[in-house]
């Protein structure tokens, strides 16, 4: 294969993965016009149309999708081989592509970006925030971060956080006007802020559990959203009761008195966050280092001292590393 042939195929793969000529051109360091010319040359050489293009979108044709499906594993294998060769030479570099929930991006990844870059300055992190549960293999991501119950099949999973308890909250003003629900069934008489699941578009059914009894509620209210920030903000502004998974965000509002927990004795635990990657690939040195950073395993061991860590701190650390 000539070098120009490989460059054309690499350009084609970049357009498919990013569904955009502009984003693919930026990734490849080319102008959009130069990238378009490269794709035209590839299509002319193969005698087949590979991409359907409109002014707003680009997607592979049936022939293009078949070509990409055959090429993608080869590109991944080549990237792994280069990464392993660099690691063997004592270097760590390349691009690490991570597909993650917004909640994980803000709570787990963002606080550790500086530390990871300082330790591995030649690794480029390509972080894609995606609450729609994209296929990380088809998207050529090295790994994804999801809630434990929504992991893709045939994946190796690494727990990042302990399980969390869902929490129903409302503003003090709302509760003063509408009263406080005592049982999940009481929610049918309240305004509730609902979640739209991005996986299939369904509205989430609220789950509760108490002393082994589990119930599901489909409440109604003035707002449906697929973003936690909008739902929590609506609850703070008194629109109704919200059912929250992002405990860090909600706990801050509770501490400030802007929200109050209700139905506290009916809480249900949900799986925490997991990083996962295909079991058909060995994790690259960069991915292994990234996982160690997210789990704080790259931090130096604490020096012996008179103070001992609290029981809660030890339990959290064990849960995060399970």
C-alpha atoms as a PDB file:
ATOM      1  CA  UNK A   1       0.000   0.000   0.000  1.00  0.00           C
ATOM      2  CA  UNK A   2       1.332   3.414  -0.957  1.00  0.00           C
ATOM      3  CA  UNK A   3       1.667   6.115   1.658  1.00  0.00           C
ATOM      4  CA  UNK A   4      -0.981   8.185  -0.092  1.00  0.00           C
ATOM      5  CA  UNK A   5      -3.399   5.242   0.030  1.00  0.00           C
ATOM      6  CA  UNK A   6      -2.958   4.959   3.789  1.00  0.00           C
ATOM      7  CA  UNK A   7      -3.421   8.730   4.222  1.00  0.00           C
ATOM      8  CA  UNK A   8      -6.690   8.572   2.275  1.00  0.00           C
ATOM      9  CA  UNK A   9      -8.022   5.723   4.406  1.00  0.00           C
ATOM     10  CA  UNK A  10      -6.981   7.496   7.601  1.00  0.00           C
ATOM     11  CA  UNK A  11      -8.792  10.635   6.438  1.00  0.00           C
ATOM     12  CA  UNK A  12     -11.914   8.620   5.614  1.00  0.00           C
ATOM     13  CA  UNK A  13     -11.891   6.995   9.077  1.00  0.00           C
ATOM     14  CA  UNK A  14     -11.534  10.402  10.760  1.00  0.00           C
ATOM     15  CA  UNK A  15     -14.615  11.737   8.940  1.00  0.00           C
ATOM     16  CA  UNK A  16     -16.718   8.692   9.844  1.00  0.00           C
ATOM     17  CA  UNK A  17     -15.713   8.797  13.510  1.00  0.00           C
ATOM     18  CA  UNK A  18     -16.376  12.508  13.918  1.00  0.00           C
ATOM     19  CA  UNK A  19     -19.358  12.728  11.538  1.00  0.00           C
ATOM     20  CA  UNK A  20     -17.984  16.069  10.403  1.00  0.00           C
ATOM     21  CA  UNK A  21     -15.505  17.254   7.786  1.00  0.00           C
ATOM     22  CA  UNK A  22     -14.623  20.283   9.905  1.00  0.00           C
ATOM     23  CA  UNK A  23     -13.847  18.274  13.048  1.00  0.00           C
ATOM     24  CA  UNK A  24     -11.978  15.607  11.068  1.00  0.00           C
ATOM     25  CA  UNK A  25      -9.913  18.258   9.276  1.00  0.00           C
ATOM     26  CA  UNK A  26      -8.994  19.872  12.580  1.00  0.00           C
ATOM     27  CA  UNK A  27      -7.973  16.487  14.002  1.00  0.00           C
ATOM     28  CA  UNK A  28      -5.792  15.704  10.977  1.00  0.00           C
ATOM     29  CA  UNK A  29      -4.274  19.173  10.724  1.00  0.00           C
ATOM     30  CA  UNK A  30      -5.748  19.748   7.260  1.00  0.00           C
ATOM     31  CA  UNK A  31      -7.997  22.370   5.751  1.00  0.00           C
ATOM     32  CA  UNK A  32     -11.591  21.217   5.058  1.00  0.00           C
ATOM     33  CA  UNK A  33     -11.016  21.716   1.317  1.00  0.00           C
ATOM     34  CA  UNK A  34      -7.873  19.561   1.386  1.00  0.00           C
ATOM     35  CA  UNK A  35      -9.727  16.852   3.299  1.00  0.00           C
ATOM     36  CA  UNK A  36     -12.616  16.927   0.805  1.00  0.00           C
ATOM     37  CA  UNK A  37     -10.131  16.520  -2.044  1.00  0.00           C
ATOM     38  CA  UNK A  38      -8.531  13.540  -0.272  1.00  0.00           C
ATOM     39  CA  UNK A  39     -11.911  11.836   0.128  1.00  0.00           C
ATOM     40  CA  UNK A  40     -12.763  12.473  -3.530  1.00  0.00           C
ATOM     41  CA  UNK A  41      -9.464  10.884  -4.563  1.00  0.00           C
ATOM     42  CA  UNK A  42     -10.209   7.823  -2.427  1.00  0.00           C
ATOM     43  CA  UNK A  43     -13.722   7.460  -3.865  1.00  0.00           C
ATOM     44  CA  UNK A  44     -12.358   7.839  -7.400  1.00  0.00           C
ATOM     45  CA  UNK A  45      -9.660   5.242  -6.775  1.00  0.00           C
ATOM     46  CA  UNK A  46     -12.173   2.727  -5.345  1.00  0.00           C
ATOM     47  CA  UNK A  47     -14.892   3.578  -7.837  1.00  0.00           C
ATOM     48  CA  UNK A  48     -17.509   3.856  -5.117  1.00  0.00           C
ATOM     49  CA  UNK A  49     -19.208   6.599  -3.111  1.00  0.00           C
ATOM     50  CA  UNK A  50     -18.230   6.256   0.543  1.00  0.00           C
ATOM     51  CA  UNK A  51     -19.934   9.228   2.206  1.00  0.00           C
ATOM     52  CA  UNK A  52     -23.315  10.899   1.961  1.00  0.00           C
ATOM     53  CA  UNK A  53     -22.835  14.612   2.489  1.00  0.00           C
ATOM     54  CA  UNK A  54     -25.324  17.394   3.147  1.00  0.00           C
ATOM     55  CA  UNK A  55     -24.806  20.947   4.333  1.00  0.00           C
ATOM     56  CA  UNK A  56     -25.443  19.809   7.924  1.00  0.00           C
ATOM     57  CA  UNK A  57     -24.255  16.221   8.222  1.00  0.00           C
ATOM     58  CA  UNK A  58     -22.074  13.478   6.826  1.00  0.00           C
ATOM     59  CA  UNK A  59     -22.573   9.713   7.140  1.00  0.00           C
ATOM     60  CA  UNK A  60     -21.096   6.651   5.457  1.00  0.00           C
ATOM     61  CA  UNK A  61     -22.915   4.929   2.626  1.00  0.00           C
ATOM     62  CA  UNK A  62     -23.482   1.184   2.857  1.00  0.00           C
ATOM     63  CA  UNK A  63     -20.168   0.646   1.069  1.00  0.00           C
ATOM     64  CA  UNK A  64     -18.456   3.182   3.305  1.00  0.00           C
ATOM     65  CA  UNK A  65     -19.829   1.594   6.465  1.00  0.00           C
ATOM     66  CA  UNK A  66     -18.587  -1.830   5.327  1.00  0.00           C
ATOM     67  CA  UNK A  67     -15.133  -0.442   4.537  1.00  0.00           C
ATOM     68  CA  UNK A  68     -14.898   1.332   7.896  1.00  0.00           C
ATOM     69  CA  UNK A  69     -16.006  -1.786   9.805  1.00  0.00           C
ATOM     70  CA  UNK A  70     -13.112  -3.723   8.247  1.00  0.00           C
ATOM     71  CA  UNK A  71     -10.593  -0.909   8.748  1.00  0.00           C
ATOM     72  CA  UNK A  72     -11.357   0.141  12.336  1.00  0.00           C
ATOM     73  CA  UNK A  73      -9.831  -2.932  14.066  1.00  0.00           C
ATOM     74  CA  UNK A  74      -6.678  -2.592  11.958  1.00  0.00           C
ATOM     75  CA  UNK A  75      -6.230   1.048  12.942  1.00  0.00           C
ATOM     76  CA  UNK A  76      -6.732   0.123  16.594  1.00  0.00           C
ATOM     77  CA  UNK A  77      -4.142  -2.646  16.352  1.00  0.00           C
ATOM     78  CA  UNK A  78      -1.639  -0.279  14.773  1.00  0.00           C
ATOM     79  CA  UNK A  79      -2.231   2.328  17.482  1.00  0.00           C
ATOM     80  CA  UNK A  80      -1.731  -0.330  20.165  1.00  0.00           C
ATOM     81  CA  UNK A  81       1.487  -1.531  18.515  1.00  0.00           C
ATOM     82  CA  UNK A  82       2.891   2.006  18.399  1.00  0.00           C
ATOM     83  CA  UNK A  83       1.908   2.619  22.036  1.00  0.00           C
ATOM     84  CA  UNK A  84       3.559  -0.638  23.154  1.00  0.00           C
ATOM     85  CA  UNK A  85       6.730   0.192  21.231  1.00  0.00           C
ATOM     86  CA  UNK A  86       6.873   3.636  22.838  1.00  0.00           C
ATOM     87  CA  UNK A  87       6.320   2.163  26.294  1.00  0.00           C
ATOM     88  CA  UNK A  88       9.089  -0.381  25.720  1.00  0.00           C
ATOM     89  CA  UNK A  89      11.399   2.522  24.873  1.00  0.00           C
ATOM     90  CA  UNK A  90      10.489   4.229  28.122  1.00  0.00           C
ATOM     91  CA  UNK A  91       8.161   6.763  26.470  1.00  0.00           C
ATOM     92  CA  UNK A  92       4.425   7.258  26.809  1.00  0.00           C
ATOM     93  CA  UNK A  93       2.571   9.327  24.248  1.00  0.00           C
ATOM     94  CA  UNK A  94      -0.211   9.343  21.692  1.00  0.00           C
ATOM     95  CA  UNK A  95      -3.876  10.202  22.038  1.00  0.00           C
ATOM     96  CA  UNK A  96      -6.162   8.625  24.633  1.00  0.00           C
ATOM     97  CA  UNK A  97      -9.843   8.900  23.642  1.00  0.00           C
ATOM     98  CA  UNK A  98     -12.368   8.657  26.493  1.00  0.00           C
ATOM     99  CA  UNK A  99     -16.165   8.707  26.162  1.00  0.00           C
ATOM    100  CA  UNK A 100     -17.750   9.724  29.461  1.00  0.00           C
ATOM    101  CA  UNK A 101     -20.916  10.814  31.215  1.00  0.00           C
ATOM    102  CA  UNK A 102     -20.997  14.493  32.089  1.00  0.00           C
ATOM    103  CA  UNK A 103     -21.220  13.666  35.778  1.00  0.00           C
ATOM    104  CA  UNK A 104     -18.049  11.570  35.613  1.00  0.00           C
ATOM    105  CA  UNK A 105     -16.257  14.246  33.604  1.00  0.00           C
ATOM    106  CA  UNK A 106     -16.870  16.899  36.253  1.00  0.00           C
ATOM    107  CA  UNK A 107     -16.473  14.786  39.385  1.00  0.00           C
ATOM    108  CA  UNK A 108     -13.818  12.200  38.490  1.00  0.00           C
ATOM    109  CA  UNK A 109     -11.810  13.397  35.488  1.00  0.00           C
ATOM    110  CA  UNK A 110     -11.653  17.189  35.767  1.00  0.00           C
ATOM    111  CA  UNK A 111     -10.057  17.335  39.256  1.00  0.00           C
ATOM    112  CA  UNK A 112      -7.202  15.071  38.077  1.00  0.00           C
ATOM    113  CA  UNK A 113      -6.368  16.586  34.674  1.00  0.00           C
ATOM    114  CA  UNK A 114      -3.437  18.634  35.909  1.00  0.00           C
ATOM    115  CA  UNK A 115      -1.856  15.751  37.765  1.00  0.00           C
ATOM    116  CA  UNK A 116      -2.155  13.410  34.794  1.00  0.00           C
ATOM    117  CA  UNK A 117      -0.694  15.949  32.374  1.00  0.00           C
ATOM    118  CA  UNK A 118       2.205  16.697  34.670  1.00  0.00           C
ATOM    119  CA  UNK A 119       3.066  12.998  34.921  1.00  0.00           C
ATOM    120  CA  UNK A 120       2.448  12.220  31.219  1.00  0.00           C
ATOM    121  CA  UNK A 121       2.910  15.433  29.184  1.00  0.00           C
ATOM    122  CA  UNK A 122       3.129  13.601  25.831  1.00  0.00           C
ATOM    123  CA  UNK A 123      -0.289  11.945  26.175  1.00  0.00           C
ATOM    124  CA  UNK A 124      -3.105  13.889  24.529  1.00  0.00           C
ATOM    125  CA  UNK A 125      -6.452  13.367  26.283  1.00  0.00           C
ATOM    126  CA  UNK A 126      -9.457  13.471  23.945  1.00  0.00           C
ATOM    127  CA  UNK A 127     -12.404  13.618  26.361  1.00  0.00           C
ATOM    128  CA  UNK A 128     -15.861  13.372  24.769  1.00  0.00           C
ATOM    129  CA  UNK A 129     -18.759  14.087  27.133  1.00  0.00           C
ATOM    130  CA  UNK A 130     -21.661  11.930  25.985  1.00  0.00           C
ATOM    131  CA  UNK A 131     -24.729  11.042  28.044  1.00  0.00           C
ATOM    132  CA  UNK A 132     -26.184   9.088  25.121  1.00  0.00           C
ATOM    133  CA  UNK A 133     -24.242   5.851  25.746  1.00  0.00           C
ATOM    134  CA  UNK A 134     -22.402   5.658  22.419  1.00  0.00           C
ATOM    135  CA  UNK A 135     -20.660   2.469  21.299  1.00  0.00           C
ATOM    136  CA  UNK A 136     -17.034   3.008  22.280  1.00  0.00           C
ATOM    137  CA  UNK A 137     -15.771   0.328  19.893  1.00  0.00           C
ATOM    138  CA  UNK A 138     -17.533   1.796  16.860  1.00  0.00           C
ATOM    139  CA  UNK A 139     -16.366   5.258  17.893  1.00  0.00           C
ATOM    140  CA  UNK A 140     -12.762   4.079  18.307  1.00  0.00           C
ATOM    141  CA  UNK A 141     -12.621   5.193  21.926  1.00  0.00           C
ATOM    142  CA  UNK A 142     -10.016   3.646  24.184  1.00  0.00           C
ATOM    143  CA  UNK A 143     -12.464   3.519  27.088  1.00  0.00           C
ATOM    144  CA  UNK A 144     -15.801   4.772  28.352  1.00  0.00           C
ATOM    145  CA  UNK A 145     -17.176   5.768  31.752  1.00  0.00           C
ATOM    146  CA  UNK A 146     -20.744   4.802  32.615  1.00  0.00           C
ATOM    147  CA  UNK A 147     -23.022   3.921  35.503  1.00  0.00           C
ATOM    148  CA  UNK A 148     -22.471   0.273  36.403  1.00  0.00           C
ATOM    149  CA  UNK A 149     -25.876  -0.945  35.302  1.00  0.00           C
ATOM    150  CA  UNK A 150     -25.419   0.394  31.772  1.00  0.00           C
ATOM    151  CA  UNK A 151     -22.132  -1.144  30.698  1.00  0.00           C
ATOM    152  CA  UNK A 152     -21.850  -2.567  27.235  1.00  0.00           C
ATOM    153  CA  UNK A 153     -21.440  -6.324  26.847  1.00  0.00           C
ATOM    154  CA  UNK A 154     -18.055  -8.030  26.474  1.00  0.00           C
ATOM    155  CA  UNK A 155     -16.263  -5.287  28.377  1.00  0.00           C
ATOM    156  CA  UNK A 156     -13.687  -5.214  31.134  1.00  0.00           C
ATOM    157  CA  UNK A 157     -14.926  -2.878  33.869  1.00  0.00           C
ATOM    158  CA  UNK A 158     -12.997  -1.026  36.568  1.00  0.00           C
ATOM    159  CA  UNK A 159     -14.986   0.464  39.438  1.00  0.00           C
ATOM    160  CA  UNK A 160     -14.259   4.152  39.971  1.00  0.00           C
ATOM    161  CA  UNK A 161     -16.763   5.078  42.691  1.00  0.00           C
ATOM    162  CA  UNK A 162     -18.871   3.274  45.286  1.00  0.00           C
ATOM    163  CA  UNK A 163     -22.580   2.733  44.754  1.00  0.00           C
ATOM    164  CA  UNK A 164     -24.680   5.807  45.466  1.00  0.00           C
ATOM    165  CA  UNK A 165     -28.156   6.305  46.869  1.00  0.00           C
ATOM    166  CA  UNK A 166     -30.786   8.111  44.848  1.00  0.00           C
ATOM    167  CA  UNK A 167     -32.288  11.064  46.663  1.00  0.00           C
ATOM    168  CA  UNK A 168     -35.621  12.895  46.293  1.00  0.00           C
ATOM    169  CA  UNK A 169     -35.345  16.627  46.975  1.00  0.00           C
ATOM    170  CA  UNK A 170     -37.448  19.772  46.842  1.00  0.00           C
ATOM    171  CA  UNK A 171     -37.081  23.401  47.853  1.00  0.00           C
ATOM    172  CA  UNK A 172     -38.305  24.546  51.284  1.00  0.00           C
ATOM    173  CA  UNK A 173     -40.785  26.917  49.586  1.00  0.00           C
ATOM    174  CA  UNK A 174     -42.301  24.111  47.505  1.00  0.00           C
ATOM    175  CA  UNK A 175     -42.732  21.867  50.549  1.00  0.00           C
ATOM    176  CA  UNK A 176     -44.268  24.732  52.539  1.00  0.00           C
ATOM    177  CA  UNK A 177     -46.911  25.189  49.828  1.00  0.00           C
ATOM    178  CA  UNK A 178     -47.557  21.571  48.791  1.00  0.00           C
ATOM    179  CA  UNK A 179     -46.658  19.547  51.874  1.00  0.00           C
ATOM    180  CA  UNK A 180     -44.100  16.759  52.318  1.00  0.00           C
ATOM    181  CA  UNK A 181     -44.709  13.301  50.806  1.00  0.00           C
ATOM    182  CA  UNK A 182     -44.531  10.483  53.371  1.00  0.00           C
ATOM    183  CA  UNK A 183     -44.532   7.531  50.944  1.00  0.00           C
ATOM    184  CA  UNK A 184     -43.738   7.097  47.229  1.00  0.00           C
ATOM    185  CA  UNK A 185     -47.463   6.875  46.381  1.00  0.00           C
ATOM    186  CA  UNK A 186     -47.871  10.450  47.654  1.00  0.00           C
ATOM    187  CA  UNK A 187     -45.809  11.661  44.672  1.00  0.00           C
ATOM    188  CA  UNK A 188     -48.871  11.288  42.457  1.00  0.00           C
ATOM    189  CA  UNK A 189     -50.247  14.349  44.229  1.00  0.00           C
ATOM    190  CA  UNK A 190     -47.088  16.397  43.663  1.00  0.00           C
ATOM    191  CA  UNK A 191     -45.317  18.174  40.803  1.00  0.00           C
ATOM    192  CA  UNK A 192     -42.295  16.062  39.888  1.00  0.00           C
ATOM    193  CA  UNK A 193     -39.287  16.790  37.668  1.00  0.00           C
ATOM    194  CA  UNK A 194     -38.735  13.820  35.381  1.00  0.00           C
ATOM    195  CA  UNK A 195     -35.673  12.415  33.620  1.00  0.00           C
ATOM    196  CA  UNK A 196     -35.609  11.462  29.953  1.00  0.00           C
ATOM    197  CA  UNK A 197     -33.366   8.449  29.321  1.00  0.00           C
ATOM    198  CA  UNK A 198     -31.108   9.140  26.363  1.00  0.00           C
ATOM    199  CA  UNK A 199     -30.736   5.444  25.576  1.00  0.00           C
ATOM    200  CA  UNK A 200     -34.293   4.922  24.348  1.00  0.00           C
ATOM    201  CA  UNK A 201     -36.099   8.202  25.046  1.00  0.00           C
ATOM    202  CA  UNK A 202     -38.273   6.761  27.815  1.00  0.00           C
ATOM    203  CA  UNK A 203     -39.100   8.699  30.960  1.00  0.00           C
ATOM    204  CA  UNK A 204     -37.355   7.226  33.990  1.00  0.00           C
ATOM    205  CA  UNK A 205     -39.589   5.425  36.492  1.00  0.00           C
ATOM    206  CA  UNK A 206     -38.617   6.416  40.028  1.00  0.00           C
ATOM    207  CA  UNK A 207     -37.476   3.437  42.096  1.00  0.00           C
ATOM    208  CA  UNK A 208     -37.794   3.225  45.886  1.00  0.00           C
ATOM    209  CA  UNK A 209     -37.044   0.564  48.469  1.00  0.00           C
ATOM    210  CA  UNK A 210     -37.779   0.174  52.171  1.00  0.00           C
ATOM    211  CA  UNK A 211     -37.237  -2.928  54.302  1.00  0.00           C
ATOM    212  CA  UNK A 212     -37.056  -5.161  51.246  1.00  0.00           C
ATOM    213  CA  UNK A 213     -40.172  -3.675  49.633  1.00  0.00           C
ATOM    214  CA  UNK A 214     -39.442  -2.165  46.218  1.00  0.00           C
ATOM    215  CA  UNK A 215     -41.827   0.093  44.290  1.00  0.00           C
ATOM    216  CA  UNK A 216     -41.700   2.055  41.045  1.00  0.00           C
ATOM    217  CA  UNK A 217     -43.516   5.326  40.442  1.00  0.00           C
ATOM    218  CA  UNK A 218     -44.204   7.186  37.198  1.00  0.00           C
ATOM    219  CA  UNK A 219     -44.925  10.688  38.530  1.00  0.00           C
ATOM    220  CA  UNK A 220     -45.947  13.703  36.462  1.00  0.00           C
ATOM    221  CA  UNK A 221     -44.886  17.326  36.581  1.00  0.00           C
ATOM    222  CA  UNK A 222     -44.018  20.532  34.764  1.00  0.00           C
ATOM    223  CA  UNK A 223     -40.608  19.502  33.400  1.00  0.00           C
ATOM    224  CA  UNK A 224     -38.850  16.596  31.693  1.00  0.00           C
ATOM    225  CA  UNK A 225     -35.104  16.820  31.053  1.00  0.00           C
ATOM    226  CA  UNK A 226     -32.124  14.627  30.221  1.00  0.00           C
ATOM    227  CA  UNK A 227     -29.614  16.830  32.051  1.00  0.00           C
ATOM    228  CA  UNK A 228     -29.072  16.791  35.799  1.00  0.00           C
ATOM    229  CA  UNK A 229     -28.173  20.493  36.015  1.00  0.00           C
ATOM    230  CA  UNK A 230     -31.565  21.482  34.610  1.00  0.00           C
ATOM    231  CA  UNK A 231     -33.476  19.127  36.888  1.00  0.00           C
ATOM    232  CA  UNK A 232     -31.704  20.226  40.053  1.00  0.00           C
ATOM    233  CA  UNK A 233     -31.991  23.905  39.129  1.00  0.00           C
ATOM    234  CA  UNK A 234     -35.739  23.454  38.628  1.00  0.00           C
ATOM    235  CA  UNK A 235     -36.070  21.888  42.077  1.00  0.00           C
ATOM    236  CA  UNK A 236     -34.098  24.746  43.663  1.00  0.00           C
ATOM    237  CA  UNK A 237     -36.461  27.221  41.982  1.00  0.00           C
ATOM    238  CA  UNK A 238     -39.521  25.464  43.415  1.00  0.00           C
ATOM    239  CA  UNK A 239     -40.911  23.748  40.311  1.00  0.00           C
ATOM    240  CA  UNK A 240     -41.317  20.450  42.092  1.00  0.00           C
ATOM    241  CA  UNK A 241     -39.616  17.361  43.512  1.00  0.00           C
ATOM    242  CA  UNK A 242     -36.531  16.019  41.730  1.00  0.00           C
ATOM    243  CA  UNK A 243     -35.007  12.548  41.960  1.00  0.00           C
ATOM    244  CA  UNK A 244     -31.244  12.968  41.767  1.00  0.00           C
ATOM    245  CA  UNK A 245     -28.287  10.731  41.050  1.00  0.00           C
ATOM    246  CA  UNK A 246     -25.605  13.442  41.143  1.00  0.00           C
ATOM    247  CA  UNK A 247     -25.192  13.497  44.911  1.00  0.00           C
ATOM    248  CA  UNK A 248     -22.250  15.911  44.959  1.00  0.00           C
ATOM    249  CA  UNK A 249     -24.312  18.601  43.266  1.00  0.00           C
ATOM    250  CA  UNK A 250     -27.434  17.973  45.355  1.00  0.00           C
ATOM    251  CA  UNK A 251     -25.636  17.695  48.687  1.00  0.00           C
ATOM    252  CA  UNK A 252     -24.193  21.168  48.177  1.00  0.00           C
ATOM    253  CA  UNK A 253     -27.694  22.626  47.778  1.00  0.00           C
ATOM    254  CA  UNK A 254     -28.868  20.742  50.870  1.00  0.00           C
ATOM    255  CA  UNK A 255     -25.961  22.102  52.903  1.00  0.00           C
ATOM    256  CA  UNK A 256     -26.871  25.630  51.786  1.00  0.00           C
ATOM    257  CA  UNK A 257     -30.534  25.133  52.673  1.00  0.00           C
ATOM    258  CA  UNK A 258     -31.763  25.461  49.086  1.00  0.00           C
ATOM    259  CA  UNK A 259     -33.034  21.868  48.951  1.00  0.00           C
ATOM    260  CA  UNK A 260     -34.512  19.445  51.471  1.00  0.00           C
ATOM    261  CA  UNK A 261     -34.459  15.656  51.204  1.00  0.00           C
ATOM    262  CA  UNK A 262     -37.815  13.864  51.263  1.00  0.00           C
ATOM    263  CA  UNK A 263     -38.656  10.157  51.477  1.00  0.00           C
ATOM    264  CA  UNK A 264     -35.286   9.568  53.129  1.00  0.00           C
ATOM    265  CA  UNK A 265     -36.359   6.157  54.451  1.00  0.00           C
ATOM    266  CA  UNK A 266     -37.231   4.990  50.918  1.00  0.00           C
ATOM    267  CA  UNK A 267     -33.829   5.446  49.269  1.00  0.00           C
ATOM    268  CA  UNK A 268     -32.478   2.913  46.767  1.00  0.00           C
ATOM    269  CA  UNK A 269     -28.818   2.293  45.924  1.00  0.00           C
ATOM    270  CA  UNK A 270     -27.693   2.518  42.295  1.00  0.00           C
ATOM    271  CA  UNK A 271     -24.421   1.285  40.794  1.00  0.00           C
ATOM    272  CA  UNK A 272     -21.541   3.735  40.879  1.00  0.00           C
ATOM    273  CA  UNK A 273     -19.305   4.805  38.003  1.00  0.00           C
ATOM    274  CA  UNK A 274     -17.161   2.317  36.089  1.00  0.00           C
ATOM    275  CA  UNK A 275     -14.488   2.765  33.446  1.00  0.00           C
ATOM    276  CA  UNK A 276     -14.723   0.049  30.821  1.00  0.00           C
ATOM    277  CA  UNK A 277     -12.870  -1.031  27.697  1.00  0.00           C
ATOM    278  CA  UNK A 278     -13.092  -3.845  25.166  1.00  0.00           C
ATOM    279  CA  UNK A 279     -11.934  -7.263  26.302  1.00  0.00           C
ATOM    280  CA  UNK A 280     -10.529  -7.729  22.806  1.00  0.00           C
ATOM    281  CA  UNK A 281      -7.786  -5.195  23.455  1.00  0.00           C
ATOM    282  CA  UNK A 282      -4.993  -4.971  25.962  1.00  0.00           C
ATOM    283  CA  UNK A 283      -5.096  -1.615  27.746  1.00  0.00           C
ATOM    284  CA  UNK A 284      -2.403   0.692  26.418  1.00  0.00           C
ATOM    285  CA  UNK A 285       0.207   2.075  28.832  1.00  0.00           C
ATOM    286  CA  UNK A 286      -1.533   5.454  28.608  1.00  0.00           C
ATOM    287  CA  UNK A 287      -4.912   3.939  29.531  1.00  0.00           C
ATOM    288  CA  UNK A 288      -3.376   2.038  32.435  1.00  0.00           C
ATOM    289  CA  UNK A 289      -1.802   5.261  33.704  1.00  0.00           C
ATOM    290  CA  UNK A 290      -5.115   7.097  33.284  1.00  0.00           C
ATOM    291  CA  UNK A 291      -6.970   4.447  35.310  1.00  0.00           C
ATOM    292  CA  UNK A 292      -4.330   4.651  38.051  1.00  0.00           C
ATOM    293  CA  UNK A 293      -4.791   8.423  38.129  1.00  0.00           C
ATOM    294  CA  UNK A 294      -8.590   8.223  38.375  1.00  0.00           C
ATOM    295  CA  UNK A 295      -8.250   5.771  41.264  1.00  0.00           C
ATOM    296  CA  UNK A 296      -5.506   7.917  42.871  1.00  0.00           C
ATOM    297  CA  UNK A 297      -3.154   4.953  42.727  1.00  0.00           C
ATOM    298  CA  UNK A 298      -0.500   7.269  41.300  1.00  0.00           C
ATOM    299  CA  UNK A 299      -0.321   9.265  44.522  1.00  0.00           C
ATOM    300  CA  UNK A 300       2.645   8.677  46.823  1.00  0.00           C
ATOM    301  CA  UNK A 301       2.090   6.528  49.868  1.00  0.00           C
ATOM    302  CA  UNK A 302       1.286   8.646  52.950  1.00  0.00           C
ATOM    303  CA  UNK A 303       4.138   8.996  55.394  1.00  0.00           C
ATOM    304  CA  UNK A 304       3.764   7.284  58.772  1.00  0.00           C
ATOM    305  CA  UNK A 305       2.433   9.654  61.371  1.00  0.00           C
ATOM    306  CA  UNK A 306       0.555   9.813  64.626  1.00  0.00           C
ATOM    307  CA  UNK A 307      -2.795  10.274  62.897  1.00  0.00           C
ATOM    308  CA  UNK A 308      -4.690   7.303  61.474  1.00  0.00           C
ATOM    309  CA  UNK A 309      -7.177   7.582  58.588  1.00  0.00           C
ATOM    310  CA  UNK A 310     -10.817   7.469  59.550  1.00  0.00           C
ATOM    311  CA  UNK A 311     -12.823   4.279  59.109  1.00  0.00           C
ATOM    312  CA  UNK A 312     -15.019   6.002  56.524  1.00  0.00           C
ATOM    313  CA  UNK A 313     -12.013   7.054  54.444  1.00  0.00           C
ATOM    314  CA  UNK A 314     -10.635   3.521  54.410  1.00  0.00           C
ATOM    315  CA  UNK A 315     -14.022   2.071  53.444  1.00  0.00           C
ATOM    316  CA  UNK A 316     -14.401   4.540  50.571  1.00  0.00           C
ATOM    317  CA  UNK A 317     -10.935   3.733  49.256  1.00  0.00           C
ATOM    318  CA  UNK A 318     -11.611  -0.026  49.334  1.00  0.00           C
ATOM    319  CA  UNK A 319     -14.949   0.439  47.582  1.00  0.00           C
ATOM    320  CA  UNK A 320     -13.386   2.563  44.853  1.00  0.00           C
ATOM    321  CA  UNK A 321     -10.726  -0.026  44.096  1.00  0.00           C
ATOM    322  CA  UNK A 322     -13.033  -3.073  43.996  1.00  0.00           C
END
